[in-house]
């Protein structure tokens, strides 16, 4: 049985162990900030599309945030289950293999969050329950690797895009916390917002799995190990560009195209510069910046697609 680290021994209590888990596997503050920008901007974007003369309901924003936060937590929990054997073999230092928390506890947490999501959906609008079930169904299929685990593992690009399709579903649910609650039809402009979420999910996923050669681990798949440095970095830049194009289309729907283009253009220049430097000198510091840039890009983009234009609309 894996031995606990000194840090683990110092946190023997129930809450201490869960605190270690969140710090290592699902940092609630950094993740919460991104998810808040994502979910609140979704309801704001929907409200702007329907020409609302007032901000979205506070209750809609709260339900969108809490539900989105729990969706992403459920994704992490699903990963812990499906990767447990692989983690135990190649990554025994992770929280679950080394016994900080166990799969049973994570399963109970997942069920509890699902119950809260269902209660919130029923409270805000029972019309949300269908989309909630749809998102859960896709998440469940992902957790089983669509019953083609080995084939998907052998085709990393297909693995990537099939798993990123969960992003538009979560986004659709978040926007529905506005348009379904007020009783209007789905606006066609939301399509661009959903596509933005899909490509941005790819930006985040590739960005966090670009590694310097000295930081690659045996048995741990990264895009630099699967595709090589040039292809993985090139794919990341392409995903950024596609996200920017789709974000521009979404911003045009709410007449906020210019500010978004300026901000994303600056981020894109920094991203390209970091990519060039990394290809020339693949250091751990430069590799880590891909994830940092992806996170800041995501935060900025979602704020510019919903929260900021909504705020300026009522100033």
C-alpha atoms as a PDB file:
ATOM      1  CA  UNK A   1       0.000   0.000   0.000  1.00  0.00           C
ATOM      2  CA  UNK A   2       1.399   3.432  -0.949  1.00  0.00           C
ATOM      3  CA  UNK A   3       2.801   5.394   1.949  1.00  0.00           C
ATOM      4  CA  UNK A   4       1.368   8.810   2.731  1.00  0.00           C
ATOM      5  CA  UNK A   5       3.632  11.803   2.369  1.00  0.00           C
ATOM      6  CA  UNK A   6       4.530  14.055   5.291  1.00  0.00           C
ATOM      7  CA  UNK A   7       1.945  16.548   4.053  1.00  0.00           C
ATOM      8  CA  UNK A   8      -0.684  13.802   4.023  1.00  0.00           C
ATOM      9  CA  UNK A   9       0.162  12.716   7.557  1.00  0.00           C
ATOM     10  CA  UNK A  10      -0.175  16.272   8.775  1.00  0.00           C
ATOM     11  CA  UNK A  11      -3.718  16.401   7.392  1.00  0.00           C
ATOM     12  CA  UNK A  12      -5.222  13.231   8.781  1.00  0.00           C
ATOM     13  CA  UNK A  13      -8.683  14.694   9.289  1.00  0.00           C
ATOM     14  CA  UNK A  14     -11.533  14.257   6.834  1.00  0.00           C
ATOM     15  CA  UNK A  15     -11.473  17.824   5.576  1.00  0.00           C
ATOM     16  CA  UNK A  16      -7.674  17.909   5.506  1.00  0.00           C
ATOM     17  CA  UNK A  17      -7.511  15.018   3.057  1.00  0.00           C
ATOM     18  CA  UNK A  18     -10.118  16.588   0.777  1.00  0.00           C
ATOM     19  CA  UNK A  19      -8.224  19.854   0.936  1.00  0.00           C
ATOM     20  CA  UNK A  20      -5.106  18.058  -0.315  1.00  0.00           C
ATOM     21  CA  UNK A  21      -7.149  16.450  -3.088  1.00  0.00           C
ATOM     22  CA  UNK A  22      -8.596  19.724  -4.338  1.00  0.00           C
ATOM     23  CA  UNK A  23      -5.202  21.411  -4.209  1.00  0.00           C
ATOM     24  CA  UNK A  24      -3.590  18.733  -6.342  1.00  0.00           C
ATOM     25  CA  UNK A  25      -6.383  17.626  -8.659  1.00  0.00           C
ATOM     26  CA  UNK A  26      -9.119  20.284  -8.776  1.00  0.00           C
ATOM     27  CA  UNK A  27      -7.986  23.656  -7.330  1.00  0.00           C
ATOM     28  CA  UNK A  28     -11.298  25.224  -6.393  1.00  0.00           C
ATOM     29  CA  UNK A  29     -10.137  28.837  -6.505  1.00  0.00           C
ATOM     30  CA  UNK A  30      -8.325  28.916  -9.856  1.00  0.00           C
ATOM     31  CA  UNK A  31     -10.861  26.571 -11.456  1.00  0.00           C
ATOM     32  CA  UNK A  32     -13.712  28.457  -9.833  1.00  0.00           C
ATOM     33  CA  UNK A  33     -12.563  31.756 -11.327  1.00  0.00           C
ATOM     34  CA  UNK A  34     -12.462  30.347 -14.860  1.00  0.00           C
ATOM     35  CA  UNK A  35     -15.772  28.520 -14.439  1.00  0.00           C
ATOM     36  CA  UNK A  36     -17.411  31.677 -13.060  1.00  0.00           C
ATOM     37  CA  UNK A  37     -16.245  33.648 -16.109  1.00  0.00           C
ATOM     38  CA  UNK A  38     -17.451  30.833 -18.369  1.00  0.00           C
ATOM     39  CA  UNK A  39     -20.897  30.337 -16.805  1.00  0.00           C
ATOM     40  CA  UNK A  40     -21.836  33.914 -15.926  1.00  0.00           C
ATOM     41  CA  UNK A  41     -20.771  35.122 -19.356  1.00  0.00           C
ATOM     42  CA  UNK A  42     -22.941  32.380 -20.873  1.00  0.00           C
ATOM     43  CA  UNK A  43     -26.118  33.715 -19.240  1.00  0.00           C
ATOM     44  CA  UNK A  44     -25.072  37.310 -20.015  1.00  0.00           C
ATOM     45  CA  UNK A  45     -24.416  36.426 -23.666  1.00  0.00           C
ATOM     46  CA  UNK A  46     -27.844  34.806 -23.918  1.00  0.00           C
ATOM     47  CA  UNK A  47     -29.500  37.852 -22.347  1.00  0.00           C
ATOM     48  CA  UNK A  48     -27.687  40.218 -24.740  1.00  0.00           C
ATOM     49  CA  UNK A  49     -28.724  38.118 -27.729  1.00  0.00           C
ATOM     50  CA  UNK A  50     -32.401  38.341 -26.819  1.00  0.00           C
ATOM     51  CA  UNK A  51     -32.097  42.112 -26.417  1.00  0.00           C
ATOM     52  CA  UNK A  52     -32.814  42.129 -22.723  1.00  0.00           C
ATOM     53  CA  UNK A  53     -33.074  45.560 -21.105  1.00  0.00           C
ATOM     54  CA  UNK A  54     -31.980  44.175 -17.745  1.00  0.00           C
ATOM     55  CA  UNK A  55     -29.222  41.819 -16.559  1.00  0.00           C
ATOM     56  CA  UNK A  56     -29.994  38.099 -16.386  1.00  0.00           C
ATOM     57  CA  UNK A  57     -31.670  36.873 -13.234  1.00  0.00           C
ATOM     58  CA  UNK A  58     -29.305  36.489 -10.290  1.00  0.00           C
ATOM     59  CA  UNK A  59     -30.767  33.033  -9.700  1.00  0.00           C
ATOM     60  CA  UNK A  60     -29.924  32.061 -13.308  1.00  0.00           C
ATOM     61  CA  UNK A  61     -26.307  33.138 -12.859  1.00  0.00           C
ATOM     62  CA  UNK A  62     -25.978  31.215  -9.584  1.00  0.00           C
ATOM     63  CA  UNK A  63     -27.463  28.016 -11.001  1.00  0.00           C
ATOM     64  CA  UNK A  64     -25.323  28.286 -14.143  1.00  0.00           C
ATOM     65  CA  UNK A  65     -22.167  28.700 -12.055  1.00  0.00           C
ATOM     66  CA  UNK A  66     -22.863  25.987  -9.482  1.00  0.00           C
ATOM     67  CA  UNK A  67     -24.028  23.501 -12.120  1.00  0.00           C
ATOM     68  CA  UNK A  68     -21.037  24.209 -14.391  1.00  0.00           C
ATOM     69  CA  UNK A  69     -18.626  23.912 -11.455  1.00  0.00           C
ATOM     70  CA  UNK A  70     -20.123  20.522 -10.580  1.00  0.00           C
ATOM     71  CA  UNK A  71     -19.997  19.367 -14.225  1.00  0.00           C
ATOM     72  CA  UNK A  72     -16.253  20.009 -14.309  1.00  0.00           C
ATOM     73  CA  UNK A  73     -15.795  18.349 -10.923  1.00  0.00           C
ATOM     74  CA  UNK A  74     -17.706  15.317 -12.214  1.00  0.00           C
ATOM     75  CA  UNK A  75     -15.380  15.209 -15.212  1.00  0.00           C
ATOM     76  CA  UNK A  76     -12.397  15.099 -12.861  1.00  0.00           C
ATOM     77  CA  UNK A  77     -14.035  12.356 -10.783  1.00  0.00           C
ATOM     78  CA  UNK A  78     -14.813  10.339 -13.923  1.00  0.00           C
ATOM     79  CA  UNK A  79     -11.152  10.633 -14.935  1.00  0.00           C
ATOM     80  CA  UNK A  80     -10.063   9.308 -11.539  1.00  0.00           C
ATOM     81  CA  UNK A  81     -12.158   6.182 -12.065  1.00  0.00           C
ATOM     82  CA  UNK A  82     -11.194   5.443 -15.656  1.00  0.00           C
ATOM     83  CA  UNK A  83      -7.492   6.206 -15.114  1.00  0.00           C
ATOM     84  CA  UNK A  84      -7.081   4.531 -11.725  1.00  0.00           C
ATOM     85  CA  UNK A  85      -5.163   1.472 -12.950  1.00  0.00           C
ATOM     86  CA  UNK A  86      -2.933   3.557 -15.209  1.00  0.00           C
ATOM     87  CA  UNK A  87      -2.312   6.113 -12.441  1.00  0.00           C
ATOM     88  CA  UNK A  88      -1.486   3.374  -9.955  1.00  0.00           C
ATOM     89  CA  UNK A  89       1.088   1.992 -12.350  1.00  0.00           C
ATOM     90  CA  UNK A  90       2.675   5.134 -13.788  1.00  0.00           C
ATOM     91  CA  UNK A  91       1.578   7.997 -11.488  1.00  0.00           C
ATOM     92  CA  UNK A  92       1.445   6.583  -7.953  1.00  0.00           C
ATOM     93  CA  UNK A  93       2.217  10.047  -6.570  1.00  0.00           C
ATOM     94  CA  UNK A  94      -1.304  11.255  -7.406  1.00  0.00           C
ATOM     95  CA  UNK A  95      -3.815  11.713  -4.608  1.00  0.00           C
ATOM     96  CA  UNK A  96      -6.041   8.693  -5.283  1.00  0.00           C
ATOM     97  CA  UNK A  97      -3.369   6.022  -5.895  1.00  0.00           C
ATOM     98  CA  UNK A  98      -1.450   7.078  -2.794  1.00  0.00           C
ATOM     99  CA  UNK A  99      -4.598   6.891  -0.666  1.00  0.00           C
ATOM    100  CA  UNK A 100      -5.368  10.506   0.220  1.00  0.00           C
ATOM    101  CA  UNK A 101      -8.970   9.881  -0.867  1.00  0.00           C
ATOM    102  CA  UNK A 102     -10.526   6.786  -2.409  1.00  0.00           C
ATOM    103  CA  UNK A 103     -12.790   6.048  -5.346  1.00  0.00           C
ATOM    104  CA  UNK A 104     -15.749   5.303  -3.099  1.00  0.00           C
ATOM    105  CA  UNK A 105     -15.554   8.752  -1.557  1.00  0.00           C
ATOM    106  CA  UNK A 106     -15.228  10.349  -4.976  1.00  0.00           C
ATOM    107  CA  UNK A 107     -18.223   8.382  -6.223  1.00  0.00           C
ATOM    108  CA  UNK A 108     -20.320   9.620  -3.320  1.00  0.00           C
ATOM    109  CA  UNK A 109     -19.186  13.177  -4.023  1.00  0.00           C
ATOM    110  CA  UNK A 110     -20.167  12.815  -7.667  1.00  0.00           C
ATOM    111  CA  UNK A 111     -23.645  11.555  -6.737  1.00  0.00           C
ATOM    112  CA  UNK A 112     -24.088  14.390  -4.233  1.00  0.00           C
ATOM    113  CA  UNK A 113     -23.174  17.038  -6.797  1.00  0.00           C
ATOM    114  CA  UNK A 114     -25.574  15.450  -9.275  1.00  0.00           C
ATOM    115  CA  UNK A 115     -28.385  15.619  -6.731  1.00  0.00           C
ATOM    116  CA  UNK A 116     -27.657  19.307  -6.146  1.00  0.00           C
ATOM    117  CA  UNK A 117     -27.659  19.985  -9.897  1.00  0.00           C
ATOM    118  CA  UNK A 118     -31.021  18.255 -10.285  1.00  0.00           C
ATOM    119  CA  UNK A 119     -32.523  20.139  -7.338  1.00  0.00           C
ATOM    120  CA  UNK A 120     -31.280  23.478  -8.692  1.00  0.00           C
ATOM    121  CA  UNK A 121     -32.608  22.717 -12.181  1.00  0.00           C
ATOM    122  CA  UNK A 122     -36.013  21.759 -10.810  1.00  0.00           C
ATOM    123  CA  UNK A 123     -36.066  24.898  -8.636  1.00  0.00           C
ATOM    124  CA  UNK A 124     -35.046  27.305 -11.400  1.00  0.00           C
ATOM    125  CA  UNK A 125     -37.028  25.707 -14.252  1.00  0.00           C
ATOM    126  CA  UNK A 126     -38.012  22.034 -14.766  1.00  0.00           C
ATOM    127  CA  UNK A 127     -37.420  22.676 -18.480  1.00  0.00           C
ATOM    128  CA  UNK A 128     -33.693  22.450 -17.716  1.00  0.00           C
ATOM    129  CA  UNK A 129     -33.894  18.798 -16.687  1.00  0.00           C
ATOM    130  CA  UNK A 130     -33.762  17.497 -20.259  1.00  0.00           C
ATOM    131  CA  UNK A 131     -30.496  19.313 -21.006  1.00  0.00           C
ATOM    132  CA  UNK A 132     -29.117  18.202 -17.657  1.00  0.00           C
ATOM    133  CA  UNK A 133     -29.843  14.574 -18.525  1.00  0.00           C
ATOM    134  CA  UNK A 134     -28.298  15.023 -21.989  1.00  0.00           C
ATOM    135  CA  UNK A 135     -25.058  16.379 -20.506  1.00  0.00           C
ATOM    136  CA  UNK A 136     -24.915  13.615 -17.904  1.00  0.00           C
ATOM    137  CA  UNK A 137     -25.442  11.000 -20.626  1.00  0.00           C
ATOM    138  CA  UNK A 138     -22.525  12.278 -22.678  1.00  0.00           C
ATOM    139  CA  UNK A 139     -20.366  12.505 -19.553  1.00  0.00           C
ATOM    140  CA  UNK A 140     -21.222   8.878 -18.738  1.00  0.00           C
ATOM    141  CA  UNK A 141     -20.249   7.786 -22.255  1.00  0.00           C
ATOM    142  CA  UNK A 142     -16.962   9.673 -21.901  1.00  0.00           C
ATOM    143  CA  UNK A 143     -16.262   7.912 -18.622  1.00  0.00           C
ATOM    144  CA  UNK A 144     -16.551   4.607 -20.488  1.00  0.00           C
ATOM    145  CA  UNK A 145     -14.442   5.952 -23.378  1.00  0.00           C
ATOM    146  CA  UNK A 146     -17.499   5.382 -25.624  1.00  0.00           C
ATOM    147  CA  UNK A 147     -16.760   1.643 -25.213  1.00  0.00           C
ATOM    148  CA  UNK A 148     -13.745   1.980 -27.571  1.00  0.00           C
ATOM    149  CA  UNK A 149     -11.002   2.727 -25.043  1.00  0.00           C
ATOM    150  CA  UNK A 150      -8.090   1.031 -26.769  1.00  0.00           C
ATOM    151  CA  UNK A 151      -9.007   2.370 -30.206  1.00  0.00           C
ATOM    152  CA  UNK A 152      -9.370   5.919 -28.877  1.00  0.00           C
ATOM    153  CA  UNK A 153      -6.064   5.678 -27.037  1.00  0.00           C
ATOM    154  CA  UNK A 154      -4.432   4.737 -30.327  1.00  0.00           C
ATOM    155  CA  UNK A 155      -6.005   7.749 -32.067  1.00  0.00           C
ATOM    156  CA  UNK A 156      -5.231  10.754 -29.840  1.00  0.00           C
ATOM    157  CA  UNK A 157      -6.767  13.367 -32.155  1.00  0.00           C
ATOM    158  CA  UNK A 158     -10.110  11.558 -32.214  1.00  0.00           C
ATOM    159  CA  UNK A 159      -9.820  11.055 -28.457  1.00  0.00           C
ATOM    160  CA  UNK A 160      -9.311  14.807 -28.083  1.00  0.00           C
ATOM    161  CA  UNK A 161     -12.265  16.071 -30.133  1.00  0.00           C
ATOM    162  CA  UNK A 162     -14.738  13.459 -28.907  1.00  0.00           C
ATOM    163  CA  UNK A 163     -13.982  14.389 -25.295  1.00  0.00           C
ATOM    164  CA  UNK A 164     -14.131  18.132 -26.000  1.00  0.00           C
ATOM    165  CA  UNK A 165     -17.721  17.844 -27.239  1.00  0.00           C
ATOM    166  CA  UNK A 166     -18.760  17.909 -23.576  1.00  0.00           C
ATOM    167  CA  UNK A 167     -17.793  21.604 -23.496  1.00  0.00           C
ATOM    168  CA  UNK A 168     -20.587  22.856 -25.808  1.00  0.00           C
ATOM    169  CA  UNK A 169     -23.078  20.731 -23.864  1.00  0.00           C
ATOM    170  CA  UNK A 170     -22.076  22.329 -20.567  1.00  0.00           C
ATOM    171  CA  UNK A 171     -22.168  25.714 -22.263  1.00  0.00           C
ATOM    172  CA  UNK A 172     -25.611  25.037 -23.727  1.00  0.00           C
ATOM    173  CA  UNK A 173     -26.890  24.195 -20.264  1.00  0.00           C
ATOM    174  CA  UNK A 174     -25.395  27.397 -18.838  1.00  0.00           C
ATOM    175  CA  UNK A 175     -27.025  29.559 -21.524  1.00  0.00           C
ATOM    176  CA  UNK A 176     -30.309  27.686 -21.007  1.00  0.00           C
ATOM    177  CA  UNK A 177     -30.321  28.963 -17.430  1.00  0.00           C
ATOM    178  CA  UNK A 178     -31.271  32.241 -19.110  1.00  0.00           C
ATOM    179  CA  UNK A 179     -33.258  31.562 -22.269  1.00  0.00           C
ATOM    180  CA  UNK A 180     -35.239  28.572 -21.038  1.00  0.00           C
ATOM    181  CA  UNK A 181     -36.048  30.289 -17.738  1.00  0.00           C
ATOM    182  CA  UNK A 182     -37.472  33.394 -19.426  1.00  0.00           C
ATOM    183  CA  UNK A 183     -39.344  31.215 -21.911  1.00  0.00           C
ATOM    184  CA  UNK A 184     -37.781  32.175 -25.261  1.00  0.00           C
ATOM    185  CA  UNK A 185     -36.440  30.018 -28.064  1.00  0.00           C
ATOM    186  CA  UNK A 186     -32.765  29.258 -28.499  1.00  0.00           C
ATOM    187  CA  UNK A 187     -31.149  32.154 -30.410  1.00  0.00           C
ATOM    188  CA  UNK A 188     -29.116  31.102 -33.440  1.00  0.00           C
ATOM    189  CA  UNK A 189     -26.221  33.292 -32.262  1.00  0.00           C
ATOM    190  CA  UNK A 190     -25.567  30.921 -29.368  1.00  0.00           C
ATOM    191  CA  UNK A 191     -24.151  28.473 -31.927  1.00  0.00           C
ATOM    192  CA  UNK A 192     -20.946  30.533 -32.131  1.00  0.00           C
ATOM    193  CA  UNK A 193     -20.642  30.631 -28.360  1.00  0.00           C
ATOM    194  CA  UNK A 194     -20.874  26.835 -28.256  1.00  0.00           C
ATOM    195  CA  UNK A 195     -18.238  26.414 -30.962  1.00  0.00           C
ATOM    196  CA  UNK A 196     -15.990  28.803 -29.035  1.00  0.00           C
ATOM    197  CA  UNK A 197     -16.283  26.497 -26.019  1.00  0.00           C
ATOM    198  CA  UNK A 198     -15.357  23.474 -28.111  1.00  0.00           C
ATOM    199  CA  UNK A 199     -12.178  24.978 -29.564  1.00  0.00           C
ATOM    200  CA  UNK A 200     -11.250  26.653 -26.304  1.00  0.00           C
ATOM    201  CA  UNK A 201     -11.490  23.289 -24.577  1.00  0.00           C
ATOM    202  CA  UNK A 202      -8.880  22.063 -27.054  1.00  0.00           C
ATOM    203  CA  UNK A 203      -6.693  25.096 -26.265  1.00  0.00           C
ATOM    204  CA  UNK A 204      -6.795  24.273 -22.557  1.00  0.00           C
ATOM    205  CA  UNK A 205      -6.311  20.538 -23.041  1.00  0.00           C
ATOM    206  CA  UNK A 206      -3.307  20.775 -25.356  1.00  0.00           C
ATOM    207  CA  UNK A 207      -1.840  23.666 -23.367  1.00  0.00           C
ATOM    208  CA  UNK A 208      -1.714  21.688 -20.146  1.00  0.00           C
ATOM    209  CA  UNK A 209      -0.106  18.679 -21.839  1.00  0.00           C
ATOM    210  CA  UNK A 210       2.844  20.326 -23.530  1.00  0.00           C
ATOM    211  CA  UNK A 211       6.021  19.324 -21.713  1.00  0.00           C
ATOM    212  CA  UNK A 212       9.732  19.966 -21.960  1.00  0.00           C
ATOM    213  CA  UNK A 213      11.725  16.799 -22.848  1.00  0.00           C
ATOM    214  CA  UNK A 214      13.196  16.531 -19.331  1.00  0.00           C
ATOM    215  CA  UNK A 215       9.706  16.618 -17.785  1.00  0.00           C
ATOM    216  CA  UNK A 216       8.173  13.814 -19.839  1.00  0.00           C
ATOM    217  CA  UNK A 217       7.212  10.764 -17.736  1.00  0.00           C
ATOM    218  CA  UNK A 218       7.170   7.168 -18.867  1.00  0.00           C
ATOM    219  CA  UNK A 219       3.604   5.958 -19.346  1.00  0.00           C
ATOM    220  CA  UNK A 220       2.131   9.479 -19.086  1.00  0.00           C
ATOM    221  CA  UNK A 221       0.667  10.591 -22.439  1.00  0.00           C
ATOM    222  CA  UNK A 222       1.283  14.229 -23.361  1.00  0.00           C
ATOM    223  CA  UNK A 223       0.818  15.864 -26.734  1.00  0.00           C
ATOM    224  CA  UNK A 224       4.531  16.539 -27.032  1.00  0.00           C
ATOM    225  CA  UNK A 225       5.225  12.834 -26.531  1.00  0.00           C
ATOM    226  CA  UNK A 226       2.387  11.695 -28.812  1.00  0.00           C
ATOM    227  CA  UNK A 227       2.721  14.235 -31.621  1.00  0.00           C
ATOM    228  CA  UNK A 228       6.170  15.719 -31.138  1.00  0.00           C
ATOM    229  CA  UNK A 229       6.941  19.330 -30.220  1.00  0.00           C
ATOM    230  CA  UNK A 230       6.276  20.962 -33.595  1.00  0.00           C
ATOM    231  CA  UNK A 231       2.920  19.310 -34.214  1.00  0.00           C
ATOM    232  CA  UNK A 232       1.633  19.771 -30.666  1.00  0.00           C
ATOM    233  CA  UNK A 233       2.664  23.441 -30.545  1.00  0.00           C
ATOM    234  CA  UNK A 234       1.328  24.016 -34.054  1.00  0.00           C
ATOM    235  CA  UNK A 235      -1.959  22.351 -33.119  1.00  0.00           C
ATOM    236  CA  UNK A 236      -2.230  24.577 -30.053  1.00  0.00           C
ATOM    237  CA  UNK A 237      -1.703  27.734 -32.117  1.00  0.00           C
ATOM    238  CA  UNK A 238      -4.279  26.541 -34.672  1.00  0.00           C
ATOM    239  CA  UNK A 239      -6.777  25.948 -31.869  1.00  0.00           C
ATOM    240  CA  UNK A 240      -6.147  29.484 -30.583  1.00  0.00           C
ATOM    241  CA  UNK A 241      -6.769  30.936 -34.035  1.00  0.00           C
ATOM    242  CA  UNK A 242      -9.958  28.914 -34.548  1.00  0.00           C
ATOM    243  CA  UNK A 243     -11.187  29.978 -31.116  1.00  0.00           C
ATOM    244  CA  UNK A 244     -10.455  33.627 -31.938  1.00  0.00           C
ATOM    245  CA  UNK A 245     -12.338  33.408 -35.255  1.00  0.00           C
ATOM    246  CA  UNK A 246     -15.400  31.841 -33.639  1.00  0.00           C
ATOM    247  CA  UNK A 247     -15.230  34.269 -30.708  1.00  0.00           C
ATOM    248  CA  UNK A 248     -15.237  37.136 -33.226  1.00  0.00           C
ATOM    249  CA  UNK A 249     -18.392  35.747 -34.814  1.00  0.00           C
ATOM    250  CA  UNK A 250     -20.005  35.458 -31.389  1.00  0.00           C
ATOM    251  CA  UNK A 251     -18.899  38.978 -30.430  1.00  0.00           C
ATOM    252  CA  UNK A 252     -20.359  40.341 -33.680  1.00  0.00           C
ATOM    253  CA  UNK A 253     -23.763  39.011 -32.580  1.00  0.00           C
ATOM    254  CA  UNK A 254     -23.651  41.316 -29.538  1.00  0.00           C
ATOM    255  CA  UNK A 255     -21.811  44.180 -31.295  1.00  0.00           C
ATOM    256  CA  UNK A 256     -18.605  43.810 -29.269  1.00  0.00           C
ATOM    257  CA  UNK A 257     -16.256  42.675 -32.012  1.00  0.00           C
ATOM    258  CA  UNK A 258     -13.509  45.324 -31.852  1.00  0.00           C
ATOM    259  CA  UNK A 259     -12.578  45.114 -28.123  1.00  0.00           C
ATOM    260  CA  UNK A 260     -12.461  41.336 -28.291  1.00  0.00           C
ATOM    261  CA  UNK A 261     -10.269  41.322 -31.389  1.00  0.00           C
ATOM    262  CA  UNK A 262      -7.781  43.743 -29.845  1.00  0.00           C
ATOM    263  CA  UNK A 263      -7.442  41.760 -26.603  1.00  0.00           C
ATOM    264  CA  UNK A 264      -7.272  38.337 -28.219  1.00  0.00           C
ATOM    265  CA  UNK A 265      -4.829  39.654 -30.808  1.00  0.00           C
ATOM    266  CA  UNK A 266      -2.425  40.693 -28.045  1.00  0.00           C
ATOM    267  CA  UNK A 267      -2.747  37.294 -26.361  1.00  0.00           C
ATOM    268  CA  UNK A 268      -2.188  35.546 -29.683  1.00  0.00           C
ATOM    269  CA  UNK A 269       1.063  37.445 -30.255  1.00  0.00           C
ATOM    270  CA  UNK A 270       2.333  36.401 -26.819  1.00  0.00           C
ATOM    271  CA  UNK A 271       1.271  32.810 -27.517  1.00  0.00           C
ATOM    272  CA  UNK A 272       3.116  32.708 -30.853  1.00  0.00           C
ATOM    273  CA  UNK A 273       6.227  34.252 -29.292  1.00  0.00           C
ATOM    274  CA  UNK A 274       6.232  31.662 -26.508  1.00  0.00           C
ATOM    275  CA  UNK A 275       5.708  28.884 -29.062  1.00  0.00           C
ATOM    276  CA  UNK A 276       8.707  30.048 -31.125  1.00  0.00           C
ATOM    277  CA  UNK A 277      10.913  30.302 -28.038  1.00  0.00           C
ATOM    278  CA  UNK A 278       9.818  26.842 -26.842  1.00  0.00           C
ATOM    279  CA  UNK A 279      10.574  25.232 -30.192  1.00  0.00           C
ATOM    280  CA  UNK A 280      14.067  26.736 -30.090  1.00  0.00           C
ATOM    281  CA  UNK A 281      14.688  26.147 -26.378  1.00  0.00           C
ATOM    282  CA  UNK A 282      12.226  23.602 -24.925  1.00  0.00           C
ATOM    283  CA  UNK A 283      12.617  24.476 -21.247  1.00  0.00           C
ATOM    284  CA  UNK A 284      10.232  23.576 -18.423  1.00  0.00           C
ATOM    285  CA  UNK A 285       9.523  27.268 -17.776  1.00  0.00           C
ATOM    286  CA  UNK A 286       8.430  27.906 -21.359  1.00  0.00           C
ATOM    287  CA  UNK A 287       6.380  24.696 -21.401  1.00  0.00           C
ATOM    288  CA  UNK A 288       4.490  25.791 -18.288  1.00  0.00           C
ATOM    289  CA  UNK A 289       3.581  29.071 -19.953  1.00  0.00           C
ATOM    290  CA  UNK A 290       1.348  27.282 -22.459  1.00  0.00           C
ATOM    291  CA  UNK A 291      -1.069  26.363 -19.682  1.00  0.00           C
ATOM    292  CA  UNK A 292      -0.827  29.833 -18.136  1.00  0.00           C
ATOM    293  CA  UNK A 293      -1.503  31.595 -21.445  1.00  0.00           C
ATOM    294  CA  UNK A 294      -4.411  29.230 -22.148  1.00  0.00           C
ATOM    295  CA  UNK A 295      -5.971  30.023 -18.760  1.00  0.00           C
ATOM    296  CA  UNK A 296      -5.597  33.796 -19.122  1.00  0.00           C
ATOM    297  CA  UNK A 297      -6.854  33.606 -22.718  1.00  0.00           C
ATOM    298  CA  UNK A 298      -9.951  31.735 -21.530  1.00  0.00           C
ATOM    299  CA  UNK A 299     -10.668  34.164 -18.702  1.00  0.00           C
ATOM    300  CA  UNK A 300     -10.262  37.227 -20.915  1.00  0.00           C
ATOM    301  CA  UNK A 301     -12.287  35.801 -23.805  1.00  0.00           C
ATOM    302  CA  UNK A 302     -15.314  34.770 -21.774  1.00  0.00           C
ATOM    303  CA  UNK A 303     -15.393  38.077 -19.901  1.00  0.00           C
ATOM    304  CA  UNK A 304     -15.366  39.904 -23.246  1.00  0.00           C
ATOM    305  CA  UNK A 305     -18.151  37.706 -24.612  1.00  0.00           C
ATOM    306  CA  UNK A 306     -20.624  38.296 -21.806  1.00  0.00           C
ATOM    307  CA  UNK A 307     -19.900  39.929 -18.483  1.00  0.00           C
ATOM    308  CA  UNK A 308     -18.041  43.027 -19.711  1.00  0.00           C
ATOM    309  CA  UNK A 309     -20.426  43.970 -22.570  1.00  0.00           C
ATOM    310  CA  UNK A 310     -23.377  43.381 -20.212  1.00  0.00           C
ATOM    311  CA  UNK A 311     -21.805  45.659 -17.607  1.00  0.00           C
ATOM    312  CA  UNK A 312     -21.063  48.372 -20.189  1.00  0.00           C
ATOM    313  CA  UNK A 313     -24.593  48.039 -21.565  1.00  0.00           C
ATOM    314  CA  UNK A 314     -26.039  49.231 -18.264  1.00  0.00           C
ATOM    315  CA  UNK A 315     -23.493  51.885 -17.291  1.00  0.00           C
END
